Amino acid sequence: MPDQTIRYRDGHGYDHAHYDWDPLHRRTPLVWPDNKQIAISAHVYLEYMELDPPEDAIADARFAGALGSYFPDFQNYSRREFGNRVGIFRVLEILERYDLQVTICANAMAAARYPYLIERCQKAGHRFVAHGWSLNRMITSKMSEAEERQHIADCLGTLETALGEKPRGWAGQDYNESAETPNLLAEAGLDFVLDWPNDDEPYYMRTDPTLVSVPNQSEWDDGQLFAVRQVDTWRYPELITSAYEHLATEGGRMLGLSIHPWIFGQAQRIKYLEEAVAAIAGKPDAWYTGPEEIAAAFRAQRPES
């Protein structure tokens, strides 16, 4: 069995060995390229739900409802597949029309299964980050270190075959990690990770070599907003606008839009995504970019000590 002991770093603050304690009031704000006040990054999830996953696979029960309690679960399977058949095209059309840079967070199984979607996104110039193996298989501490290392290698290898290049970043399925994941991602040669929504600007992880954590704020992730917390969809434009205005006022922050096509691509929701995107697009104080560029800008401005 893997050692599941939680290790905390000694010293001031509540944080642990993966990163340093760095409270907001002690920081000098970052300066984005061209003196922009805020970095905006759109993340679209390309996921595949396995109809018959391995017995030891673990999915996020918050989103699944009855997922896994009966077989075959065509109802949940079909809801997720809606995103890959219909929803993703609606979502991409809006983001592209308003000139937001798009990062595709792709499951390895989805990338292998849907070459048309990969080609569609590559032709549009969208970037990719690794998003685990499938919707059903989160990384958890029930994996041994060797099993997790192989899981990461299999994901990256499959994505490299599908994409023609190895992704440089990682967005874990449903943000989940084990205690060893950051070290294993760094060991695998990745540059940044999107799993830690504990800040509004990037920071270094204490790994070797060093990963950059690019926070992907889960507060306005559509899955958590609508599927978990049951927030009314019509509130989304106001939530995003409020977040944008405050973060831009502070300066040096980022705003990540996390979009699941099976959720936001639905006919009754899509107009609210467009309202939100329209409200924050084309702003002179915004840098419309992706996590790869955000991580690079952070490294250039805050060299490792």
C-alpha atoms as a PDB file:
ATOM      1  CA  MET A   1       0.000   0.000   0.000  1.00  0.00           C
ATOM      2  CA  PRO A   2       1.266   3.535  -0.720  1.00  0.00           C
ATOM      3  CA  ASP A   3       2.279   5.721   2.198  1.00  0.00           C
ATOM      4  CA  GLN A   4      -0.728   8.043   2.627  1.00  0.00           C
ATOM      5  CA  THR A   5       0.776  10.123   5.454  1.00  0.00           C
ATOM      6  CA  ILE A   6       0.071  13.841   4.987  1.00  0.00           C
ATOM      7  CA  ARG A   7       3.293  15.795   5.399  1.00  0.00           C
ATOM      8  CA  TYR A   8       3.146  19.467   6.322  1.00  0.00           C
ATOM      9  CA  ARG A   9       6.042  21.889   5.972  1.00  0.00           C
ATOM     10  CA  ASP A  10       7.228  23.557   9.148  1.00  0.00           C
ATOM     11  CA  GLY A  11       7.162  27.330   9.254  1.00  0.00           C
ATOM     12  CA  HIS A  12       4.820  30.309   9.150  1.00  0.00           C
ATOM     13  CA  GLY A  13       1.545  29.815   7.298  1.00  0.00           C
ATOM     14  CA  TYR A  14      -0.765  26.914   6.595  1.00  0.00           C
ATOM     15  CA  ASP A  15       0.788  25.594   3.389  1.00  0.00           C
ATOM     16  CA  HIS A  16       2.632  22.348   2.842  1.00  0.00           C
ATOM     17  CA  ALA A  17       5.706  21.043   1.072  1.00  0.00           C
ATOM     18  CA  HIS A  18       4.361  21.508  -2.461  1.00  0.00           C
ATOM     19  CA  TYR A  19       4.619  25.327  -2.411  1.00  0.00           C
ATOM     20  CA  ASP A  20       5.669  28.275  -0.254  1.00  0.00           C
ATOM     21  CA  TRP A  21       3.446  30.410   1.936  1.00  0.00           C
ATOM     22  CA  ASP A  22       2.989  33.688   0.059  1.00  0.00           C
ATOM     23  CA  PRO A  23       0.053  35.786   1.329  1.00  0.00           C
ATOM     24  CA  LEU A  24      -1.402  38.362  -1.045  1.00  0.00           C
ATOM     25  CA  HIS A  25      -0.569  41.486   0.973  1.00  0.00           C
ATOM     26  CA  ARG A  26       3.178  40.759   0.833  1.00  0.00           C
ATOM     27  CA  ARG A  27       3.424  40.537  -2.959  1.00  0.00           C
ATOM     28  CA  THR A  28       4.433  42.947  -5.669  1.00  0.00           C
ATOM     29  CA  PRO A  29       1.853  42.586  -8.455  1.00  0.00           C
ATOM     30  CA  LEU A  30       2.932  40.877 -11.650  1.00  0.00           C
ATOM     31  CA  VAL A  31       3.135  42.955 -14.813  1.00  0.00           C
ATOM     32  CA  TRP A  32       1.676  41.235 -17.866  1.00  0.00           C
ATOM     33  CA  PRO A  33       2.979  41.924 -21.399  1.00  0.00           C
ATOM     34  CA  ASP A  34       2.222  45.429 -22.704  1.00  0.00           C
ATOM     35  CA  ASN A  35       1.310  46.411 -19.130  1.00  0.00           C
ATOM     36  CA  LYS A  36      -2.023  44.618 -19.303  1.00  0.00           C
ATOM     37  CA  GLN A  37      -3.843  44.411 -15.973  1.00  0.00           C
ATOM     38  CA  ILE A  38      -5.303  40.913 -16.247  1.00  0.00           C
ATOM     39  CA  ALA A  39      -4.590  37.669 -18.127  1.00  0.00           C
ATOM     40  CA  ILE A  40      -7.624  35.792 -19.479  1.00  0.00           C
ATOM     41  CA  SER A  41      -7.368  32.122 -20.409  1.00  0.00           C
ATOM     42  CA  ALA A  42     -10.208  29.929 -21.727  1.00  0.00           C
ATOM     43  CA  HIS A  43     -10.056  26.186 -21.015  1.00  0.00           C
ATOM     44  CA  VAL A  44     -12.386  23.834 -22.893  1.00  0.00           C
ATOM     45  CA  TYR A  45     -12.618  20.223 -21.737  1.00  0.00           C
ATOM     46  CA  LEU A  46     -12.503  17.369 -24.237  1.00  0.00           C
ATOM     47  CA  GLU A  47     -13.504  14.351 -22.152  1.00  0.00           C
ATOM     48  CA  TYR A  48     -14.552  10.769 -22.761  1.00  0.00           C
ATOM     49  CA  MET A  49     -16.681   8.752 -20.353  1.00  0.00           C
ATOM     50  CA  GLU A  50     -15.918   5.037 -20.425  1.00  0.00           C
ATOM     51  CA  LEU A  51     -19.085   2.999 -20.483  1.00  0.00           C
ATOM     52  CA  ASP A  52     -17.324   0.025 -18.874  1.00  0.00           C
ATOM     53  CA  PRO A  53     -14.294   1.355 -16.951  1.00  0.00           C
ATOM     54  CA  PRO A  54     -11.936  -0.870 -14.925  1.00  0.00           C
ATOM     55  CA  GLU A  55     -13.282  -1.956 -11.552  1.00  0.00           C
ATOM     56  CA  ASP A  56     -10.668   0.084  -9.680  1.00  0.00           C
ATOM     57  CA  ALA A  57     -11.354   3.314 -11.635  1.00  0.00           C
ATOM     58  CA  ILE A  58     -12.547   6.264  -9.548  1.00  0.00           C
ATOM     59  CA  ALA A  59     -14.739   9.058 -10.932  1.00  0.00           C
ATOM     60  CA  ASP A  60     -15.795  12.265  -9.204  1.00  0.00           C
ATOM     61  CA  ALA A  61     -19.073  11.328  -7.521  1.00  0.00           C
ATOM     62  CA  ARG A  62     -20.148  14.980  -7.247  1.00  0.00           C
ATOM     63  CA  PHE A  63     -20.739  15.152 -10.987  1.00  0.00           C
ATOM     64  CA  ALA A  64     -21.836  11.603 -11.611  1.00  0.00           C
ATOM     65  CA  GLY A  65     -25.058  11.208  -9.639  1.00  0.00           C
ATOM     66  CA  ALA A  66     -25.744   7.515 -10.124  1.00  0.00           C
ATOM     67  CA  LEU A  67     -22.637   7.067 -12.317  1.00  0.00           C
ATOM     68  CA  GLY A  68     -21.252   3.593 -11.924  1.00  0.00           C
ATOM     69  CA  SER A  69     -24.146   2.216  -9.875  1.00  0.00           C
ATOM     70  CA  TYR A  70     -25.661   0.333 -12.813  1.00  0.00           C
ATOM     71  CA  PHE A  71     -24.602  -0.954 -16.214  1.00  0.00           C
ATOM     72  CA  PRO A  72     -24.824   0.076 -18.942  1.00  0.00           C
ATOM     73  CA  ASP A  73     -25.207   3.710 -17.855  1.00  0.00           C
ATOM     74  CA  PHE A  74     -26.314   5.052 -21.224  1.00  0.00           C
ATOM     75  CA  GLN A  75     -28.017   8.072 -19.657  1.00  0.00           C
ATOM     76  CA  ASN A  76     -24.849   9.596 -18.204  1.00  0.00           C
ATOM     77  CA  TYR A  77     -22.765   8.373 -21.132  1.00  0.00           C
ATOM     78  CA  SER A  78     -25.066  10.113 -23.598  1.00  0.00           C
ATOM     79  CA  ARG A  79     -25.054  13.372 -21.624  1.00  0.00           C
ATOM     80  CA  ARG A  80     -21.262  13.499 -21.788  1.00  0.00           C
ATOM     81  CA  GLU A  81     -21.174  12.508 -25.447  1.00  0.00           C
ATOM     82  CA  PHE A  82     -23.504  15.400 -26.242  1.00  0.00           C
ATOM     83  CA  GLY A  83     -20.551  17.645 -25.517  1.00  0.00           C
ATOM     84  CA  ASN A  84     -18.389  15.939 -28.144  1.00  0.00           C
ATOM     85  CA  ARG A  85     -21.144  15.713 -30.777  1.00  0.00           C
ATOM     86  CA  VAL A  86     -22.843  19.096 -30.349  1.00  0.00           C
ATOM     87  CA  GLY A  87     -21.766  21.254 -27.427  1.00  0.00           C
ATOM     88  CA  ILE A  88     -18.095  21.707 -28.281  1.00  0.00           C
ATOM     89  CA  PHE A  89     -18.924  23.277 -31.647  1.00  0.00           C
ATOM     90  CA  ARG A  90     -21.230  25.843 -30.033  1.00  0.00           C
ATOM     91  CA  VAL A  91     -18.653  26.690 -27.384  1.00  0.00           C
ATOM     92  CA  LEU A  92     -15.722  26.995 -29.789  1.00  0.00           C
ATOM     93  CA  GLU A  93     -17.722  29.149 -32.205  1.00  0.00           C
ATOM     94  CA  ILE A  94     -18.308  31.736 -29.472  1.00  0.00           C
ATOM     95  CA  LEU A  95     -14.768  31.756 -28.112  1.00  0.00           C
ATOM     96  CA  GLU A  96     -13.277  31.999 -31.592  1.00  0.00           C
ATOM     97  CA  ARG A  97     -15.659  34.722 -32.713  1.00  0.00           C
ATOM     98  CA  TYR A  98     -14.600  36.887 -29.760  1.00  0.00           C
ATOM     99  CA  ASP A  99     -10.893  36.095 -30.319  1.00  0.00           C
ATOM    100  CA  LEU A 100     -10.228  34.392 -27.003  1.00  0.00           C
ATOM    101  CA  GLN A 101      -7.278  32.036 -27.048  1.00  0.00           C
ATOM    102  CA  VAL A 102      -8.495  28.518 -26.318  1.00  0.00           C
ATOM    103  CA  THR A 103      -6.695  25.733 -24.476  1.00  0.00           C
ATOM    104  CA  ILE A 104      -8.162  22.250 -24.935  1.00  0.00           C
ATOM    105  CA  CYS A 105      -7.871  20.064 -21.820  1.00  0.00           C
ATOM    106  CA  ALA A 106      -7.968  16.647 -23.477  1.00  0.00           C
ATOM    107  CA  ASN A 107      -8.427  13.186 -22.030  1.00  0.00           C
ATOM    108  CA  ALA A 108      -6.078  10.712 -23.704  1.00  0.00           C
ATOM    109  CA  MET A 109      -9.023   8.472 -24.658  1.00  0.00           C
ATOM    110  CA  ALA A 110     -10.941  11.410 -26.141  1.00  0.00           C
ATOM    111  CA  ALA A 111      -7.952  12.510 -28.217  1.00  0.00           C
ATOM    112  CA  ALA A 112      -7.503   9.001 -29.598  1.00  0.00           C
ATOM    113  CA  ARG A 113     -11.226   8.500 -30.187  1.00  0.00           C
ATOM    114  CA  TYR A 114     -12.028  11.829 -31.883  1.00  0.00           C
ATOM    115  CA  PRO A 115      -9.322  12.679 -34.436  1.00  0.00           C
ATOM    116  CA  TYR A 116     -11.798  15.000 -36.175  1.00  0.00           C
ATOM    117  CA  LEU A 117     -12.069  17.163 -33.048  1.00  0.00           C
ATOM    118  CA  ILE A 118      -8.283  17.195 -32.641  1.00  0.00           C
ATOM    119  CA  GLU A 119      -7.856  18.307 -36.253  1.00  0.00           C
ATOM    120  CA  ARG A 120     -10.626  20.901 -35.881  1.00  0.00           C
ATOM    121  CA  CYS A 121      -8.971  22.437 -32.834  1.00  0.00           C
ATOM    122  CA  GLN A 122      -5.449  22.328 -34.250  1.00  0.00           C
ATOM    123  CA  LYS A 123      -6.550  24.043 -37.457  1.00  0.00           C
ATOM    124  CA  ALA A 124      -8.014  26.826 -35.312  1.00  0.00           C
ATOM    125  CA  GLY A 125      -4.674  27.222 -33.529  1.00  0.00           C
ATOM    126  CA  HIS A 126      -5.831  26.000 -30.130  1.00  0.00           C
ATOM    127  CA  ARG A 127      -3.294  24.652 -27.623  1.00  0.00           C
ATOM    128  CA  PHE A 128      -3.636  21.389 -25.693  1.00  0.00           C
ATOM    129  CA  VAL A 129      -2.890  20.284 -22.156  1.00  0.00           C
ATOM    130  CA  ALA A 130      -3.112  16.744 -20.807  1.00  0.00           C
ATOM    131  CA  HIS A 131      -6.320  15.999 -18.906  1.00  0.00           C
ATOM    132  CA  GLY A 132      -5.737  12.472 -17.684  1.00  0.00           C
ATOM    133  CA  TRP A 133      -6.974   9.254 -19.249  1.00  0.00           C
ATOM    134  CA  SER A 134     -10.775   9.499 -19.133  1.00  0.00           C
ATOM    135  CA  LEU A 135     -13.607  11.092 -17.199  1.00  0.00           C
ATOM    136  CA  ASN A 136     -13.866   7.912 -15.121  1.00  0.00           C
ATOM    137  CA  ARG A 137     -10.235   7.708 -14.013  1.00  0.00           C
ATOM    138  CA  MET A 138      -9.080  10.333 -11.549  1.00  0.00           C
ATOM    139  CA  ILE A 139      -5.632  10.181 -10.006  1.00  0.00           C
ATOM    140  CA  THR A 140      -5.980   9.338  -6.316  1.00  0.00           C
ATOM    141  CA  SER A 141      -3.717   8.282  -3.462  1.00  0.00           C
ATOM    142  CA  LYS A 142      -5.051   4.752  -3.831  1.00  0.00           C
ATOM    143  CA  MET A 143      -2.543   4.428  -6.678  1.00  0.00           C
ATOM    144  CA  SER A 144       0.987   3.382  -5.844  1.00  0.00           C
ATOM    145  CA  GLU A 145       3.712   5.749  -6.991  1.00  0.00           C
ATOM    146  CA  ALA A 146       4.655   3.331  -9.778  1.00  0.00           C
ATOM    147  CA  GLU A 147       1.035   3.053 -10.929  1.00  0.00           C
ATOM    148  CA  GLU A 148       0.605   6.816 -10.991  1.00  0.00           C
ATOM    149  CA  ARG A 149       3.884   7.323 -12.847  1.00  0.00           C
ATOM    150  CA  GLN A 150       2.737   4.838 -15.487  1.00  0.00           C
ATOM    151  CA  HIS A 151      -0.704   6.480 -15.664  1.00  0.00           C
ATOM    152  CA  ILE A 152       0.881   9.862 -16.414  1.00  0.00           C
ATOM    153  CA  ALA A 153       3.266   8.342 -18.967  1.00  0.00           C
ATOM    154  CA  ASP A 154       0.417   6.530 -20.747  1.00  0.00           C
ATOM    155  CA  CYS A 155      -1.659   9.719 -20.898  1.00  0.00           C
ATOM    156  CA  LEU A 156       1.189  11.794 -22.287  1.00  0.00           C
ATOM    157  CA  GLY A 157       2.216   9.114 -24.774  1.00  0.00           C
ATOM    158  CA  THR A 158      -1.293   8.689 -26.148  1.00  0.00           C
ATOM    159  CA  LEU A 159      -1.760  12.452 -26.443  1.00  0.00           C
ATOM    160  CA  GLU A 160       1.597  12.881 -28.155  1.00  0.00           C
ATOM    161  CA  THR A 161       0.559  10.300 -30.755  1.00  0.00           C
ATOM    162  CA  ALA A 162      -2.804  12.009 -31.324  1.00  0.00           C
ATOM    163  CA  LEU A 163      -1.455  15.575 -31.349  1.00  0.00           C
ATOM    164  CA  GLY A 164       1.925  15.124 -32.958  1.00  0.00           C
ATOM    165  CA  GLU A 165       3.597  16.747 -29.974  1.00  0.00           C
ATOM    166  CA  LYS A 166       3.793  16.251 -26.226  1.00  0.00           C
ATOM    167  CA  PRO A 167       1.667  18.605 -24.125  1.00  0.00           C
ATOM    168  CA  ARG A 168       3.587  20.926 -21.830  1.00  0.00           C
ATOM    169  CA  GLY A 169       0.905  21.238 -19.166  1.00  0.00           C
ATOM    170  CA  TRP A 170      -1.392  19.086 -17.041  1.00  0.00           C
ATOM    171  CA  ALA A 171      -4.990  19.606 -15.918  1.00  0.00           C
ATOM    172  CA  GLY A 172      -5.944  16.622 -13.789  1.00  0.00           C
ATOM    173  CA  GLN A 173      -9.336  15.021 -14.246  1.00  0.00           C
ATOM    174  CA  ASP A 174     -11.650  16.965 -11.898  1.00  0.00           C
ATOM    175  CA  TYR A 175      -8.583  18.732 -10.437  1.00  0.00           C
ATOM    176  CA  ASN A 176      -7.633  15.583  -8.526  1.00  0.00           C
ATOM    177  CA  GLU A 177      -4.107  14.635  -7.472  1.00  0.00           C
ATOM    178  CA  SER A 178      -2.346  12.337  -5.049  1.00  0.00           C
ATOM    179  CA  ALA A 179       0.292  13.529  -2.605  1.00  0.00           C
ATOM    180  CA  GLU A 180       2.983  12.683  -5.177  1.00  0.00           C
ATOM    181  CA  THR A 181       1.413  14.069  -8.350  1.00  0.00           C
ATOM    182  CA  PRO A 182       3.334  17.387  -8.609  1.00  0.00           C
ATOM    183  CA  ASN A 183       6.676  15.607  -8.310  1.00  0.00           C
ATOM    184  CA  LEU A 184       5.659  13.002 -10.885  1.00  0.00           C
ATOM    185  CA  LEU A 185       4.425  15.647 -13.333  1.00  0.00           C
ATOM    186  CA  ALA A 186       7.739  17.494 -13.019  1.00  0.00           C
ATOM    187  CA  GLU A 187       9.626  14.228 -13.461  1.00  0.00           C
ATOM    188  CA  ALA A 188       7.621  13.595 -16.657  1.00  0.00           C
ATOM    189  CA  GLY A 189       8.940  16.855 -18.124  1.00  0.00           C
ATOM    190  CA  LEU A 190       5.833  19.032 -17.819  1.00  0.00           C
ATOM    191  CA  ASP A 191       6.139  22.785 -17.359  1.00  0.00           C
ATOM    192  CA  PHE A 192       2.899  23.831 -15.636  1.00  0.00           C
ATOM    193  CA  VAL A 193      -0.140  22.440 -13.846  1.00  0.00           C
ATOM    194  CA  LEU A 194      -3.753  23.698 -13.632  1.00  0.00           C
ATOM    195  CA  ASP A 195      -4.953  21.688 -10.626  1.00  0.00           C
ATOM    196  CA  TRP A 196      -4.511  24.165  -7.758  1.00  0.00           C
ATOM    197  CA  PRO A 197      -7.259  26.834  -7.557  1.00  0.00           C
ATOM    198  CA  ASN A 198      -5.737  28.389  -4.448  1.00  0.00           C
ATOM    199  CA  ASP A 199      -4.630  31.706  -5.949  1.00  0.00           C
ATOM    200  CA  ASP A 200      -5.347  34.312  -8.627  1.00  0.00           C
ATOM    201  CA  GLU A 201      -1.818  34.393 -10.039  1.00  0.00           C
ATOM    202  CA  PRO A 202       0.855  31.796 -10.839  1.00  0.00           C
ATOM    203  CA  TYR A 203       3.417  30.522  -8.358  1.00  0.00           C
ATOM    204  CA  TYR A 204       6.198  27.941  -8.203  1.00  0.00           C
ATOM    205  CA  MET A 205       5.643  24.406  -6.985  1.00  0.00           C
ATOM    206  CA  ARG A 206       8.434  22.916  -4.871  1.00  0.00           C
ATOM    207  CA  THR A 207       9.316  20.220  -7.391  1.00  0.00           C
ATOM    208  CA  ASP A 208      12.490  19.220  -9.230  1.00  0.00           C
ATOM    209  CA  PRO A 209      12.513  20.484 -11.927  1.00  0.00           C
ATOM    210  CA  THR A 210      10.172  23.299 -10.976  1.00  0.00           C
ATOM    211  CA  LEU A 211       6.541  23.325 -12.088  1.00  0.00           C
ATOM    212  CA  VAL A 212       4.510  26.513 -12.333  1.00  0.00           C
ATOM    213  CA  SER A 213       1.024  26.343 -10.862  1.00  0.00           C
ATOM    214  CA  VAL A 214      -1.310  28.339 -13.119  1.00  0.00           C
ATOM    215  CA  PRO A 215      -4.476  28.602 -10.994  1.00  0.00           C
ATOM    216  CA  ASN A 216      -7.628  27.469 -12.768  1.00  0.00           C
ATOM    217  CA  GLN A 217     -10.227  29.046 -10.514  1.00  0.00           C
ATOM    218  CA  SER A 218     -12.854  26.419  -9.743  1.00  0.00           C
ATOM    219  CA  GLU A 219     -15.245  29.043  -8.321  1.00  0.00           C
ATOM    220  CA  TRP A 220     -16.592  29.706 -11.818  1.00  0.00           C
ATOM    221  CA  ASP A 221     -15.966  26.297 -13.389  1.00  0.00           C
ATOM    222  CA  ASP A 222     -19.292  25.494 -15.090  1.00  0.00           C
ATOM    223  CA  GLY A 223     -19.284  21.944 -13.735  1.00  0.00           C
ATOM    224  CA  GLN A 224     -19.011  23.097 -10.155  1.00  0.00           C
ATOM    225  CA  LEU A 225     -21.379  26.032 -10.636  1.00  0.00           C
ATOM    226  CA  PHE A 226     -24.235  24.258 -12.383  1.00  0.00           C
ATOM    227  CA  ALA A 227     -23.820  20.522 -11.761  1.00  0.00           C
ATOM    228  CA  VAL A 228     -22.649  20.670  -8.140  1.00  0.00           C
ATOM    229  CA  ARG A 229     -23.906  23.914  -6.590  1.00  0.00           C
ATOM    230  CA  GLN A 230     -27.019  24.231  -8.757  1.00  0.00           C
ATOM    231  CA  VAL A 231     -26.399  27.920  -9.469  1.00  0.00           C
ATOM    232  CA  ASP A 232     -28.868  29.399 -11.979  1.00  0.00           C
ATOM    233  CA  THR A 233     -27.173  29.695 -15.374  1.00  0.00           C
ATOM    234  CA  TRP A 234     -28.451  33.228 -15.931  1.00  0.00           C
ATOM    235  CA  ARG A 235     -26.173  34.390 -13.121  1.00  0.00           C
ATOM    236  CA  TYR A 236     -23.014  33.385 -15.003  1.00  0.00           C
ATOM    237  CA  PRO A 237     -22.418  36.639 -16.953  1.00  0.00           C
ATOM    238  CA  GLU A 238     -22.637  38.696 -13.770  1.00  0.00           C
ATOM    239  CA  LEU A 239     -20.318  36.328 -11.892  1.00  0.00           C
ATOM    240  CA  ILE A 240     -17.675  36.474 -14.611  1.00  0.00           C
ATOM    241  CA  THR A 241     -18.005  40.246 -15.031  1.00  0.00           C
ATOM    242  CA  SER A 242     -17.661  40.812 -11.284  1.00  0.00           C
ATOM    243  CA  ALA A 243     -14.588  38.602 -11.117  1.00  0.00           C
ATOM    244  CA  TYR A 244     -13.048  40.334 -14.118  1.00  0.00           C
ATOM    245  CA  GLU A 245     -13.602  43.835 -12.740  1.00  0.00           C
ATOM    246  CA  HIS A 246     -12.112  43.071  -9.345  1.00  0.00           C
ATOM    247  CA  LEU A 247      -9.105  41.134 -10.650  1.00  0.00           C
ATOM    248  CA  ALA A 248      -8.332  43.810 -13.252  1.00  0.00           C
ATOM    249  CA  THR A 249      -8.493  46.498 -10.573  1.00  0.00           C
ATOM    250  CA  GLU A 250      -5.965  44.645  -8.417  1.00  0.00           C
ATOM    251  CA  GLY A 251      -3.658  44.109 -11.409  1.00  0.00           C
ATOM    252  CA  GLY A 252      -1.320  41.234 -12.236  1.00  0.00           C
ATOM    253  CA  ARG A 253      -4.020  38.603 -11.757  1.00  0.00           C
ATOM    254  CA  MET A 254      -5.517  36.033 -14.117  1.00  0.00           C
ATOM    255  CA  LEU A 255      -8.979  34.747 -14.876  1.00  0.00           C
ATOM    256  CA  GLY A 256      -9.461  31.221 -16.182  1.00  0.00           C
ATOM    257  CA  LEU A 257     -12.729  30.236 -17.860  1.00  0.00           C
ATOM    258  CA  SER A 258     -13.342  26.498 -17.435  1.00  0.00           C
ATOM    259  CA  ILE A 259     -15.962  25.207 -19.856  1.00  0.00           C
ATOM    260  CA  HIS A 260     -17.360  21.686 -20.245  1.00  0.00           C
ATOM    261  CA  PRO A 261     -19.203  21.419 -23.577  1.00  0.00           C
ATOM    262  CA  TRP A 262     -21.641  18.825 -22.239  1.00  0.00           C
ATOM    263  CA  ILE A 263     -22.777  21.477 -19.733  1.00  0.00           C
ATOM    264  CA  PHE A 264     -22.418  24.885 -21.368  1.00  0.00           C
ATOM    265  CA  GLY A 265     -23.056  23.634 -24.894  1.00  0.00           C
ATOM    266  CA  GLN A 266     -26.692  22.941 -24.043  1.00  0.00           C
ATOM    267  CA  ALA A 267     -29.244  25.019 -25.954  1.00  0.00           C
ATOM    268  CA  GLN A 268     -30.689  26.629 -22.809  1.00  0.00           C
ATOM    269  CA  ARG A 269     -27.251  27.685 -21.493  1.00  0.00           C
ATOM    270  CA  ILE A 270     -25.170  28.727 -24.488  1.00  0.00           C
ATOM    271  CA  LYS A 271     -26.493  32.295 -24.669  1.00  0.00           C
ATOM    272  CA  TYR A 272     -25.250  32.965 -21.145  1.00  0.00           C
ATOM    273  CA  LEU A 273     -21.761  31.865 -22.111  1.00  0.00           C
ATOM    274  CA  GLU A 274     -21.855  34.308 -25.022  1.00  0.00           C
ATOM    275  CA  GLU A 275     -23.071  37.128 -22.761  1.00  0.00           C
ATOM    276  CA  ALA A 276     -20.182  36.528 -20.376  1.00  0.00           C
ATOM    277  CA  VAL A 277     -17.578  36.270 -23.120  1.00  0.00           C
ATOM    278  CA  ALA A 278     -18.908  39.391 -24.850  1.00  0.00           C
ATOM    279  CA  ALA A 279     -18.653  41.309 -21.568  1.00  0.00           C
ATOM    280  CA  ILE A 280     -14.937  40.571 -21.090  1.00  0.00           C
ATOM    281  CA  ALA A 281     -13.753  40.400 -24.715  1.00  0.00           C
ATOM    282  CA  GLY A 282     -11.871  43.189 -26.442  1.00  0.00           C
ATOM    283  CA  LYS A 283     -10.896  45.006 -23.254  1.00  0.00           C
ATOM    284  CA  PRO A 284      -7.790  47.198 -23.627  1.00  0.00           C
ATOM    285  CA  ASP A 285      -6.489  46.189 -20.198  1.00  0.00           C
ATOM    286  CA  ALA A 286      -6.737  42.412 -20.802  1.00  0.00           C
ATOM    287  CA  TRP A 287      -4.154  39.984 -22.143  1.00  0.00           C
ATOM    288  CA  TYR A 288      -6.002  37.174 -23.961  1.00  0.00           C
ATOM    289  CA  THR A 289      -3.688  34.226 -23.730  1.00  0.00           C
ATOM    290  CA  GLY A 290      -3.242  30.659 -22.465  1.00  0.00           C
ATOM    291  CA  PRO A 291      -1.644  28.917 -19.488  1.00  0.00           C
ATOM    292  CA  GLU A 292       1.537  28.124 -21.404  1.00  0.00           C
ATOM    293  CA  GLU A 293       2.166  31.811 -22.042  1.00  0.00           C
ATOM    294  CA  ILE A 294       1.106  32.761 -18.503  1.00  0.00           C
ATOM    295  CA  ALA A 295       3.620  30.302 -17.051  1.00  0.00           C
ATOM    296  CA  ALA A 296       6.365  31.632 -19.342  1.00  0.00           C
ATOM    297  CA  ALA A 297       5.619  35.263 -18.429  1.00  0.00           C
ATOM    298  CA  PHE A 298       5.701  34.355 -14.747  1.00  0.00           C
ATOM    299  CA  ARG A 299       9.038  32.549 -15.071  1.00  0.00           C
ATOM    300  CA  ALA A 300      10.551  35.509 -16.917  1.00  0.00           C
ATOM    301  CA  GLN A 301       9.382  37.967 -14.284  1.00  0.00           C
ATOM    302  CA  ARG A 302      10.010  35.883 -11.187  1.00  0.00           C
ATOM    303  CA  PRO A 303      13.194  33.844 -11.780  1.00  0.00           C
ATOM    304  CA  GLU A 304      13.628  30.883  -9.479  1.00  0.00           C
ATOM    305  CA  SER A 305      15.675  31.686  -6.374  1.00  0.00           C
END
